[in-house]
Amino acid sequence: MQIEELQVEGLTHEYKVTVPAKDLDTRMDAILTEFRATANIKGFRPGKAPLSLLRRMHGERAQGQLLQETMQETSAKLFEEKSLKPALRPEVDMEGQFELGKDLEYTLKVEILPEINIEGFKAPKLERWVAEVDDASINGFIERIASQQKSFKKAAKTAKANEGDAVLINYVGRVDGEEFEGGAGDDFQLELGSGMFIPGFEEQLVGSKAGDNKVVTVTFPDPYQAEHLAGKVAEFTVDVIEVRKPSEAKIDDELAKNMGFDDLAALTESVKGQLETDNNSLTRAHMKRALLDSLAEAYDFAVPQGMVDLEFGQIWEQIKRDAIQSGEAKEEDFEGLAEPADKAEAEEFRAIAERRVRLGLLLSEIGVANKVEVTQEEVNRRVIEEARRFPGQEAQVFEYFQSNEEARAQLRAPIFEEKVVDFVLEQADLSDKKVSRDELEAAVRALDEEEANPAKSKKKPAAKKTAAKKSPAKKATTKKAPAKKAEPKKTAAKKPAAKKAAAKK
């Protein structure tokens, strides 16, 4: 094999590889000999057919295997001889049509991983934000639990419904005079102001009383989960059966027992433990971001643009999904756009992608140098977590990860990163700063939103000039609750569930 260096520009290397014809002929005979051992050819015993016949019968298949194996082995040998670590799969271009009896010539273009000098690496000084769990925060949490447990009691027939009250209703919805699937319900308790139904529905029932018959006119948001209803005007005939006033749950042993605890003291202790765990998680998240910021400032080295392109693509796809799901844009607004139309915005997102790649490579180098490893047990636990996300399909999930090395690597990577972060934080010089839970939570939330979707830190992503106007549907807000209420069956009158953005590093 002959190797000719064609070009070296930064991390990009290009070579011309020539494999002599005699080496290819020898390898071709070896492949045909393997075929002969199992070939069933009429007139010949197994393993006795001549190679010339096998060449005529299986030459195309054997030649494909020859090219694949030769390029894989010679590429690996090239990387070994040149001490190169490919960042991504190399680009291989074969010159002309390959013919047996002639040399094989191909060019190989590859981006390599940079050399990162971490000699003398020392964990940085960091400020650790600490929020203590005090009686006020415990009591506040329990009060929120109690508010989630509130019930409604029937009010007098003359009582008018206010926001915060509930009404028991029968309703039927119609679009263009025709009833539609999922648009009706009987004996349905609706809390006014809960935002459970689409905008405008609940507001029109404020002031109603038992026995009232109302006609509620609303416009379905666009986009909407039921596409055939998106943007349509609907009329709902609503019969108000009764008005119900809220009755707050008392904070006592009975409340605790309803939640599965022995008494109020046991509930209080559980809440305290949960808040401490939550605070520790928030503190670590805040410290991790401070660590990454410190490393990003301390280390600056070239990164493979192919890896940056992949990360940029993931960021852009996430931004598009968030914009579409929030109603700020439609799919057609992004047709043909591989990046934001605003060049400054595209450059900003590419800078974020480059930062993420650089930090990923740096953490990997630190982890390898300090022998940080991911155990098989840790990977197995992550596989189990993934399987739980797909009830009824657990066996298929396990099989997928068992047979797919790349998929297992994708699970292993974030585990490895978190272990490296923990390793560095253990070495860091930390100084504590006492803050409130609200301050800590707000700081981490801001960082999460920025990382999950960089566009949210400034404005919505620039799409085509024909960007859609804002949907009449109001944005969903996420409220933290210690316990989830059972959700009633879906009806077309209800708002679609908002999806959370997938936060990234």
Protein backbone atom coordinates (compact mmCIF):
# COMPACT_ATOMS: atom_id res chain seq x y z
CA MET A 1 0.00 0.00 0.00
CA GLN A 2 1.25 3.45 -0.92
CA ILE A 3 0.11 6.62 0.87
CA GLU A 4 0.49 10.08 -0.64
CA GLU A 5 -0.37 13.13 1.42
CA LEU A 6 -2.41 15.50 -0.72
CA GLN A 7 -3.40 18.21 1.73
CA VAL A 8 -3.32 19.08 5.43
CA GLU A 9 -5.39 22.09 6.44
CA GLY A 10 -6.07 22.45 10.14
CA LEU A 11 -7.79 19.28 11.31
CA THR A 12 -8.63 18.17 7.76
CA HIS A 13 -6.27 15.65 6.16
CA GLU A 14 -6.50 14.28 2.62
CA TYR A 15 -4.53 11.33 1.25
CA LYS A 16 -4.28 9.25 -1.89
CA VAL A 17 -4.10 5.52 -1.24
CA THR A 18 -2.87 3.02 -3.84
CA VAL A 19 -3.26 -0.73 -3.35
CA PRO A 20 -1.23 -2.87 -5.82
CA ALA A 21 -3.13 -5.15 -8.18
CA LYS A 22 -1.22 -8.25 -7.02
CA ASP A 23 -2.40 -7.69 -3.44
CA LEU A 24 -5.98 -7.36 -4.66
CA ASP A 25 -5.71 -10.56 -6.71
CA THR A 26 -4.43 -12.47 -3.69
CA ARG A 27 -7.25 -11.15 -1.53
CA MET A 28 -9.82 -11.94 -4.26
CA ASP A 29 -8.65 -15.55 -4.41
CA ALA A 30 -8.96 -15.77 -0.62
CA ILE A 31 -12.54 -14.49 -0.75
CA LEU A 32 -13.49 -16.92 -3.54
CA THR A 33 -11.90 -19.74 -1.57
CA GLU A 34 -14.17 -18.85 1.36
CA PHE A 35 -17.16 -18.94 -1.01
CA ARG A 36 -16.07 -22.35 -2.36
CA ALA A 37 -16.19 -23.93 1.10
CA THR A 38 -19.97 -23.42 1.33
CA ALA A 39 -21.00 -23.12 -2.34
CA ASN A 40 -23.42 -25.74 -3.63
CA ILE A 41 -22.64 -26.03 -7.36
CA LYS A 42 -24.12 -28.79 -9.48
CA GLY A 43 -21.48 -31.26 -10.66
CA PHE A 44 -18.96 -30.40 -7.96
CA ARG A 45 -18.54 -31.63 -4.45
CA PRO A 46 -18.51 -28.90 -1.73
CA GLY A 47 -15.14 -27.18 -1.71
CA LYS A 48 -14.04 -28.60 -5.09
CA ALA A 49 -15.43 -26.05 -7.57
CA PRO A 50 -12.69 -24.22 -9.53
CA LEU A 51 -12.03 -20.58 -8.65
CA SER A 52 -12.51 -19.58 -12.30
CA LEU A 53 -16.11 -20.85 -12.16
CA LEU A 54 -16.75 -19.13 -8.82
CA ARG A 55 -15.33 -15.93 -10.26
CA ARG A 56 -17.89 -16.06 -13.10
CA MET A 57 -20.79 -16.96 -10.79
CA HIS A 58 -20.01 -14.80 -7.75
CA GLY A 59 -17.50 -12.28 -9.09
CA GLU A 60 -19.67 -9.20 -8.53
CA ARG A 61 -20.48 -10.16 -4.95
CA ALA A 62 -16.86 -11.08 -4.23
CA GLN A 63 -15.63 -7.81 -5.77
CA GLY A 64 -17.97 -5.79 -3.53
CA GLN A 65 -16.61 -7.59 -0.47
CA LEU A 66 -13.06 -7.09 -1.76
CA LEU A 67 -13.48 -3.32 -2.07
CA GLN A 68 -15.18 -2.96 1.32
CA GLU A 69 -12.60 -5.01 3.21
CA THR A 70 -9.65 -3.46 1.40
CA MET A 71 -10.75 0.11 2.04
CA GLN A 72 -11.54 -0.60 5.69
CA GLU A 73 -8.21 -2.28 6.36
CA THR A 74 -6.07 0.19 4.43
CA SER A 75 -7.85 3.16 6.00
CA ALA A 76 -7.26 1.71 9.48
CA LYS A 77 -3.60 1.12 8.58
CA LEU A 78 -3.29 4.71 7.33
CA PHE A 79 -4.70 6.10 10.59
CA GLU A 80 -2.32 3.89 12.58
CA GLU A 81 0.76 4.86 10.55
CA LYS A 82 -0.06 8.58 10.69
CA SER A 83 -1.25 8.43 14.33
CA LEU A 84 -4.59 9.99 13.41
CA LYS A 85 -7.83 9.85 15.41
CA PRO A 86 -10.79 10.40 13.06
CA ALA A 87 -13.53 12.63 14.44
CA LEU A 88 -16.16 11.27 12.05
CA ARG A 89 -16.42 8.71 9.28
CA PRO A 90 -13.94 9.66 6.53
CA GLU A 91 -14.99 10.63 3.01
CA VAL A 92 -13.72 8.06 0.51
CA ASP A 93 -13.70 8.69 -3.23
CA MET A 94 -12.58 5.94 -5.59
CA GLU A 95 -10.91 7.23 -8.72
CA GLY A 96 -12.65 5.81 -11.81
CA GLN A 97 -14.23 2.37 -12.20
CA PHE A 98 -12.43 -0.41 -10.36
CA GLU A 99 -11.13 -3.27 -12.50
CA LEU A 100 -9.47 -6.46 -11.33
CA GLY A 101 -5.90 -6.71 -12.52
CA LYS A 102 -5.31 -3.00 -11.95
CA ASP A 103 -4.22 -1.01 -8.90
CA LEU A 104 -6.94 0.34 -6.63
CA GLU A 105 -6.66 4.10 -6.13
CA TYR A 106 -8.84 6.17 -3.86
CA THR A 107 -8.68 9.43 -1.96
CA LEU A 108 -9.49 9.64 1.73
CA LYS A 109 -10.50 12.90 3.38
CA VAL A 110 -10.91 12.95 7.14
CA GLU A 111 -11.25 15.40 10.00
CA ILE A 112 -9.23 14.36 13.02
CA LEU A 113 -9.68 14.98 16.71
CA PRO A 114 -7.55 17.84 18.00
CA GLU A 115 -4.68 17.39 20.41
CA ILE A 116 -5.81 18.85 23.72
CA ASN A 117 -3.15 19.74 26.25
CA ILE A 118 -4.50 19.20 29.76
CA GLU A 119 -1.10 18.75 31.39
CA GLY A 120 -1.25 20.34 34.80
CA PHE A 121 -5.04 20.57 34.68
CA LYS A 122 -6.47 21.95 37.89
CA ALA A 123 -10.13 22.23 38.75
CA PRO A 124 -11.23 25.89 38.89
CA LYS A 125 -12.46 27.86 41.87
CA LEU A 126 -16.25 27.83 41.92
CA GLU A 127 -19.02 29.43 43.93
CA ARG A 128 -21.53 26.89 45.20
CA TRP A 129 -25.03 28.25 45.64
CA VAL A 130 -26.65 26.59 48.65
CA ALA A 131 -30.32 26.86 49.57
CA GLU A 132 -31.19 25.61 53.03
CA VAL A 133 -34.46 23.85 53.74
CA ASP A 134 -36.20 25.86 56.48
CA ASP A 135 -39.59 25.53 58.13
CA ALA A 136 -41.09 28.19 55.86
CA SER A 137 -40.19 26.28 52.69
CA ILE A 138 -41.46 22.99 54.17
CA ASN A 139 -44.74 24.58 55.27
CA GLY A 140 -45.14 26.32 51.92
CA PHE A 141 -44.68 23.04 50.10
CA ILE A 142 -47.24 21.28 52.28
CA GLU A 143 -49.67 24.15 51.72
CA ARG A 144 -49.28 23.67 47.98
CA ILE A 145 -49.98 19.99 48.46
CA ALA A 146 -53.12 20.86 50.38
CA SER A 147 -54.23 23.23 47.62
CA GLN A 148 -53.86 20.39 45.12
CA GLN A 149 -56.11 18.24 47.32
CA LYS A 150 -58.96 20.74 47.49
CA SER A 151 -62.45 19.51 46.81
CA PHE A 152 -65.61 21.26 45.64
CA LYS A 153 -68.93 21.35 47.44
CA LYS A 154 -72.34 22.03 45.91
CA ALA A 155 -73.39 25.66 46.29
CA ALA A 156 -76.88 27.12 46.55
CA LYS A 157 -78.94 27.15 43.34
CA THR A 158 -78.78 30.94 43.26
CA ALA A 159 -74.98 31.05 43.65
CA LYS A 160 -73.11 32.44 40.66
CA ALA A 161 -69.86 30.85 39.53
CA ASN A 162 -66.70 32.88 39.99
CA GLU A 163 -63.21 32.14 38.76
CA GLY A 164 -61.81 29.40 41.00
CA ASP A 165 -65.23 27.79 41.40
CA ALA A 166 -66.22 24.63 39.55
CA VAL A 167 -69.31 24.01 37.45
CA LEU A 168 -70.88 20.63 36.73
CA ILE A 169 -71.93 20.73 33.09
CA ASN A 170 -73.29 18.84 30.12
CA TYR A 171 -72.00 20.20 26.81
CA VAL A 172 -72.23 19.55 23.07
CA GLY A 173 -69.98 21.22 20.51
CA ARG A 174 -70.74 21.93 16.86
CA VAL A 175 -68.71 23.25 13.94
CA ASP A 176 -70.70 24.53 10.97
CA GLY A 177 -73.81 23.16 12.69
CA GLU A 178 -72.43 19.61 12.86
CA GLU A 179 -71.42 17.80 16.05
CA PHE A 180 -67.84 16.55 16.03
CA GLU A 181 -66.13 13.61 17.68
CA GLY A 182 -64.92 14.30 21.21
CA GLY A 183 -66.91 17.53 21.45
CA ALA A 184 -69.48 16.41 24.02
CA GLY A 185 -69.49 15.48 27.69
CA ASP A 186 -71.95 14.78 30.53
CA ASP A 187 -71.58 15.49 34.25
CA PHE A 188 -68.19 17.06 33.67
CA GLN A 189 -66.67 19.11 36.51
CA LEU A 190 -64.77 22.09 35.12
CA GLU A 191 -62.78 24.42 37.37
CA LEU A 192 -63.09 27.94 35.99
CA GLY A 193 -59.70 29.52 35.46
CA SER A 194 -57.89 26.17 35.30
CA GLY A 195 -57.10 26.61 31.59
CA MET A 196 -58.21 23.04 30.94
CA PHE A 197 -60.41 24.01 27.99
CA ILE A 198 -59.40 26.12 25.02
CA PRO A 199 -59.16 29.92 25.51
CA GLY A 200 -62.47 31.70 25.93
CA PHE A 201 -64.52 28.69 27.02
CA GLU A 202 -64.21 28.95 30.78
CA GLU A 203 -64.43 32.75 30.84
CA GLN A 204 -67.92 32.63 29.29
CA LEU A 205 -69.20 30.46 32.14
CA VAL A 206 -68.21 32.94 34.86
CA GLY A 207 -71.42 34.33 36.38
CA SER A 208 -73.53 31.31 35.45
CA LYS A 209 -75.70 29.48 37.99
CA ALA A 210 -77.45 26.13 38.28
CA GLY A 211 -80.08 25.62 35.61
CA ASP A 212 -78.55 28.06 33.12
CA ASN A 213 -78.32 27.12 29.45
CA LYS A 214 -75.41 28.86 27.74
CA VAL A 215 -74.09 29.05 24.19
CA VAL A 216 -70.31 29.34 24.26
CA THR A 217 -68.57 30.43 21.07
CA VAL A 218 -64.82 29.82 20.76
CA THR A 219 -62.18 29.51 18.07
CA PHE A 220 -59.89 26.49 18.10
CA PRO A 221 -56.18 27.35 18.18
CA ASP A 222 -54.11 26.90 15.04
CA PRO A 223 -52.19 24.61 15.15
CA TYR A 224 -54.35 22.19 17.15
CA GLN A 225 -54.00 18.50 18.00
CA ALA A 226 -57.12 17.69 15.95
CA GLU A 227 -56.00 19.21 12.67
CA HIS A 228 -59.50 19.26 11.13
CA LEU A 229 -60.60 21.62 13.92
CA ALA A 230 -57.61 23.96 13.84
CA GLY A 231 -58.71 27.58 13.45
CA LYS A 232 -62.41 26.64 13.27
CA VAL A 233 -65.17 28.53 15.10
CA ALA A 234 -67.22 26.23 17.34
CA GLU A 235 -70.46 26.68 19.28
CA PHE A 236 -71.01 24.73 22.48
CA THR A 237 -74.41 24.41 24.08
CA VAL A 238 -73.77 24.12 27.80
CA ASP A 239 -76.21 23.08 30.51
CA VAL A 240 -75.07 24.15 33.98
CA ILE A 241 -76.20 21.48 36.43
CA GLU A 242 -74.72 23.01 39.55
CA VAL A 243 -72.12 25.44 40.84
CA ARG A 244 -69.53 24.14 43.27
CA LYS A 245 -67.42 26.16 45.70
CA PRO A 246 -63.87 25.09 46.61
CA SER A 247 -63.19 23.57 50.00
CA GLU A 248 -59.51 23.69 50.92
CA ALA A 249 -58.06 20.58 52.54
CA LYS A 250 -56.90 21.01 56.13
CA ILE A 251 -53.26 20.43 56.94
CA ASP A 252 -53.55 17.63 59.46
CA ASP A 253 -52.99 13.91 59.95
CA GLU A 254 -55.98 13.15 57.74
CA LEU A 255 -54.37 14.94 54.80
CA ALA A 256 -51.17 12.96 55.35
CA LYS A 257 -53.05 9.65 55.55
CA ASN A 258 -54.86 10.44 52.29
CA MET A 259 -51.43 10.71 50.71
CA GLY A 260 -50.20 7.39 52.13
CA PHE A 261 -48.33 8.63 55.22
CA ASP A 262 -48.87 7.61 58.84
CA ASP A 263 -49.34 11.15 60.08
CA LEU A 264 -48.48 14.79 59.42
CA ALA A 265 -45.01 14.37 60.98
CA ALA A 266 -44.16 11.62 58.48
CA LEU A 267 -45.39 13.78 55.60
CA THR A 268 -43.31 16.71 56.88
CA GLU A 269 -40.17 14.57 57.10
CA SER A 270 -40.74 13.25 53.57
CA VAL A 271 -41.22 16.78 52.22
CA LYS A 272 -38.04 17.91 53.96
CA GLY A 273 -36.06 15.06 52.38
CA GLN A 274 -37.52 15.76 48.95
CA LEU A 275 -36.70 19.47 49.19
CA GLU A 276 -33.13 18.70 50.27
CA THR A 277 -32.73 16.34 47.30
CA ASP A 278 -34.19 18.95 44.95
CA ASN A 279 -31.95 21.68 46.32
CA ASN A 280 -28.87 19.49 45.95
CA SER A 281 -29.81 18.77 42.33
CA LEU A 282 -30.31 22.47 41.63
CA THR A 283 -26.99 23.31 43.29
CA ARG A 284 -25.16 20.75 41.18
CA ALA A 285 -26.83 21.98 37.98
CA HIS A 286 -25.77 25.53 38.78
CA MET A 287 -22.22 24.43 39.61
CA LYS A 288 -21.99 22.36 36.43
CA ARG A 289 -22.86 25.38 34.31
CA ALA A 290 -20.31 27.49 36.19
CA LEU A 291 -17.71 24.77 35.61
CA LEU A 292 -18.47 24.57 31.89
CA ASP A 293 -18.29 28.35 31.59
CA SER A 294 -14.92 28.32 33.34
CA LEU A 295 -13.56 25.55 31.10
CA ALA A 296 -14.87 27.27 27.96
CA GLU A 297 -13.02 30.41 28.94
CA ALA A 298 -9.79 28.60 29.84
CA TYR A 299 -9.50 26.31 26.79
CA ASP A 300 -9.60 27.37 23.15
CA PHE A 301 -8.63 24.90 20.45
CA ALA A 302 -9.76 24.03 16.94
CA VAL A 303 -12.67 21.60 16.69
CA PRO A 304 -13.80 19.40 13.78
CA GLN A 305 -16.31 21.35 11.70
CA GLY A 306 -18.15 18.15 10.83
CA MET A 307 -18.97 17.66 14.52
CA VAL A 308 -20.00 21.32 14.79
CA ASP A 309 -22.30 20.89 11.77
CA LEU A 310 -24.01 17.91 13.41
CA GLU A 311 -24.49 19.76 16.70
CA PHE A 312 -25.74 22.86 14.87
CA GLY A 313 -28.28 20.70 13.03
CA GLN A 314 -29.59 19.31 16.31
CA ILE A 315 -29.92 22.82 17.78
CA TRP A 316 -31.78 24.07 14.71
CA GLU A 317 -34.15 21.08 14.70
CA GLN A 318 -34.96 21.68 18.37
CA ILE A 319 -35.62 25.37 17.73
CA LYS A 320 -37.97 24.54 14.87
CA ARG A 321 -39.87 21.96 16.95
CA ASP A 322 -40.28 24.40 19.83
CA ALA A 323 -41.49 27.18 17.55
CA ILE A 324 -44.05 24.91 15.88
CA GLN A 325 -45.28 23.37 19.15
CA SER A 326 -45.68 26.79 20.79
CA GLY A 327 -47.71 28.08 17.84
CA GLU A 328 -45.18 30.79 16.97
CA ALA A 329 -44.61 29.25 13.52
CA LYS A 330 -45.80 26.52 11.19
CA GLU A 331 -43.89 23.73 9.49
CA GLU A 332 -44.15 25.46 6.12
CA ASP A 333 -42.36 28.50 7.55
CA PHE A 334 -39.18 26.43 7.74
CA GLU A 335 -39.41 24.60 4.42
CA GLY A 336 -36.06 24.66 2.66
CA LEU A 337 -34.31 26.34 5.58
CA ALA A 338 -31.23 24.45 6.78
CA GLU A 339 -30.49 27.29 9.22
CA PRO A 340 -32.10 30.56 10.43
CA ALA A 341 -32.71 33.12 7.71
CA ASP A 342 -31.12 35.74 9.99
CA LYS A 343 -27.36 35.35 9.45
CA ALA A 344 -26.46 36.84 12.83
CA GLU A 345 -28.77 34.37 14.53
CA ALA A 346 -27.28 31.48 12.55
CA GLU A 347 -23.78 32.55 13.59
CA GLU A 348 -24.84 32.70 17.22
CA PHE A 349 -26.28 29.18 17.13
CA ARG A 350 -23.16 27.90 15.37
CA ALA A 351 -21.03 29.45 18.12
CA ILE A 352 -23.14 27.59 20.69
CA ALA A 353 -22.66 24.35 18.73
CA GLU A 354 -18.90 24.92 18.62
CA ARG A 355 -18.81 25.55 22.37
CA ARG A 356 -20.70 22.31 23.04
CA VAL A 357 -18.38 20.29 20.82
CA ARG A 358 -15.26 21.83 22.37
CA LEU A 359 -16.49 21.17 25.91
CA GLY A 360 -17.46 17.62 25.00
CA LEU A 361 -13.99 16.89 23.63
CA LEU A 362 -12.31 18.55 26.62
CA LEU A 363 -14.39 16.59 29.16
CA SER A 364 -13.63 13.40 27.25
CA GLU A 365 -9.90 14.13 27.39
CA ILE A 366 -10.06 14.86 31.13
CA GLY A 367 -12.06 11.69 31.74
CA VAL A 368 -9.71 9.44 29.78
CA ALA A 369 -6.63 10.97 31.41
CA ASN A 370 -8.09 10.33 34.86
CA LYS A 371 -9.40 6.85 34.05
CA VAL A 372 -13.07 7.76 34.48
CA GLU A 373 -15.08 4.77 33.23
CA VAL A 374 -18.70 3.86 32.65
CA THR A 375 -19.63 0.42 33.93
CA GLN A 376 -21.88 -2.01 32.12
CA GLU A 377 -24.25 -1.86 35.09
CA GLU A 378 -24.64 1.89 34.62
CA VAL A 379 -25.43 1.43 30.93
CA ASN A 380 -27.91 -1.34 31.77
CA ARG A 381 -29.70 0.95 34.22
CA ARG A 382 -30.02 3.59 31.52
CA VAL A 383 -31.40 0.97 29.10
CA ILE A 384 -34.01 0.04 31.71
CA GLU A 385 -34.95 3.71 32.07
CA GLU A 386 -35.39 3.93 28.30
CA ALA A 387 -37.51 0.76 28.26
CA ARG A 388 -39.84 2.18 30.89
CA ARG A 389 -40.64 5.04 28.56
CA PHE A 390 -42.28 2.57 26.16
CA PRO A 391 -44.76 0.41 28.12
CA GLY A 392 -45.52 -2.82 26.32
CA GLN A 393 -42.46 -2.51 24.08
CA GLU A 394 -39.76 -3.20 26.68
CA ALA A 395 -38.48 -6.33 24.90
CA GLN A 396 -38.01 -4.45 21.61
CA VAL A 397 -36.14 -1.65 23.41
CA PHE A 398 -33.76 -4.13 25.07
CA GLU A 399 -33.17 -5.90 21.77
CA TYR A 400 -32.50 -2.60 20.00
CA PHE A 401 -29.77 -1.58 22.43
CA GLN A 402 -28.27 -5.07 22.57
CA SER A 403 -27.87 -5.21 18.80
CA ASN A 404 -26.91 -1.57 18.19
CA GLU A 405 -23.47 -0.51 19.40
CA GLU A 406 -24.00 3.07 18.25
CA ALA A 407 -27.23 3.33 20.28
CA ARG A 408 -25.43 2.02 23.37
CA ALA A 409 -22.68 4.58 22.80
CA GLN A 410 -25.31 7.34 22.76
CA LEU A 411 -26.51 6.17 26.18
CA ARG A 412 -22.97 5.85 27.50
CA ALA A 413 -21.85 9.34 26.44
CA PRO A 414 -24.02 11.42 28.83
CA ILE A 415 -23.26 9.03 31.70
CA PHE A 416 -19.54 9.47 31.05
CA GLU A 417 -19.88 13.24 30.86
CA GLU A 418 -21.73 13.46 34.17
CA LYS A 419 -19.10 11.27 35.85
CA VAL A 420 -16.32 13.50 34.53
CA VAL A 421 -18.18 16.61 35.78
CA ASP A 422 -18.54 14.98 39.22
CA PHE A 423 -14.84 14.11 39.21
CA VAL A 424 -13.82 17.69 38.44
CA LEU A 425 -16.28 19.17 40.96
CA GLU A 426 -14.80 16.93 43.65
CA GLN A 427 -11.39 18.50 42.95
CA ALA A 428 -12.69 22.08 42.71
CA ASP A 429 -12.03 24.79 45.26
CA LEU A 430 -15.59 25.61 46.35
CA SER A 431 -16.88 28.57 48.33
CA ASP A 432 -20.49 28.46 49.51
CA LYS A 433 -22.98 31.23 48.95
CA LYS A 434 -26.31 31.03 50.75
CA VAL A 435 -29.29 31.85 48.56
CA SER A 436 -33.02 31.29 48.70
CA ARG A 437 -34.65 28.37 46.96
CA ASP A 438 -36.41 30.82 44.63
CA GLU A 439 -33.11 32.45 43.64
CA LEU A 440 -31.47 29.10 42.97
CA GLU A 441 -34.46 27.75 41.07
CA ALA A 442 -34.76 30.90 38.94
CA ALA A 443 -31.05 30.82 38.05
CA VAL A 444 -31.15 27.17 37.00
CA ARG A 445 -34.42 27.64 35.09
CA ALA A 446 -32.88 30.48 33.11
CA LEU A 447 -29.87 28.32 32.26
CA ASP A 448 -32.10 25.39 31.26
CA GLU A 449 -34.20 27.56 28.96
CA GLU A 450 -31.11 29.04 27.35
CA GLU A 451 -29.57 25.61 26.77
CA ALA A 452 -32.82 23.96 25.65
CA ASN A 453 -33.54 26.64 23.09
CA PRO A 454 -31.07 29.49 22.54
CA ALA A 455 -33.70 31.38 20.54
CA LYS A 456 -35.75 31.96 23.69
CA SER A 457 -33.04 34.12 25.15
CA LYS A 458 -33.72 36.78 22.54
CA LYS A 459 -36.53 36.30 20.05
CA LYS A 460 -38.19 33.60 18.07
CA PRO A 461 -36.07 32.07 15.30
CA ALA A 462 -36.06 33.85 11.99
CA ALA A 463 -38.03 31.79 9.51
CA LYS A 464 -39.22 32.82 6.07
CA LYS A 465 -40.64 36.30 5.60
CA THR A 466 -44.09 34.76 5.52
CA ALA A 467 -43.76 33.71 9.17
CA ALA A 468 -47.10 32.84 10.71
CA LYS A 469 -48.80 35.24 13.08
CA LYS A 470 -49.15 34.23 16.68
CA SER A 471 -51.81 31.64 17.37
CA PRO A 472 -54.85 32.74 19.39
CA ALA A 473 -54.03 29.93 21.78
CA LYS A 474 -52.24 31.20 24.85
CA LYS A 475 -48.95 29.58 25.78
CA ALA A 476 -49.10 26.82 28.33
CA THR A 477 -47.36 27.50 31.62
CA THR A 478 -45.84 24.71 33.63
CA LYS A 479 -46.73 24.72 37.32
CA LYS A 480 -44.84 22.53 39.76
CA ALA A 481 -47.09 20.26 41.73
CA PRO A 482 -46.12 17.59 44.25
CA ALA A 483 -48.82 15.25 43.06
CA LYS A 484 -50.58 14.90 39.71
CA LYS A 485 -54.33 14.93 39.51
CA ALA A 486 -56.08 12.36 37.42
CA GLU A 487 -56.86 13.92 34.06
CA PRO A 488 -60.35 13.55 32.59
CA LYS A 489 -60.78 12.00 29.16
CA LYS A 490 -59.66 14.14 26.27
CA THR A 491 -62.24 16.19 24.45
CA ALA A 492 -61.83 18.47 21.50
CA ALA A 493 -62.68 21.41 23.73
CA LYS A 494 -59.52 20.96 25.74
CA LYS A 495 -56.16 22.47 25.03
CA PRO A 496 -53.49 20.16 23.64
CA ALA A 497 -50.81 19.17 26.11
CA ALA A 498 -47.66 21.26 25.83
CA LYS A 499 -44.43 19.31 25.27
CA LYS A 500 -41.32 20.16 27.26
CA ALA A 501 -38.20 21.13 25.37
CA ALA A 502 -35.40 18.60 25.63
CA ALA A 503 -32.68 20.33 27.58
CA LYS A 504 -29.15 19.78 26.52
CA LYS A 505 -25.77 20.37 28.03
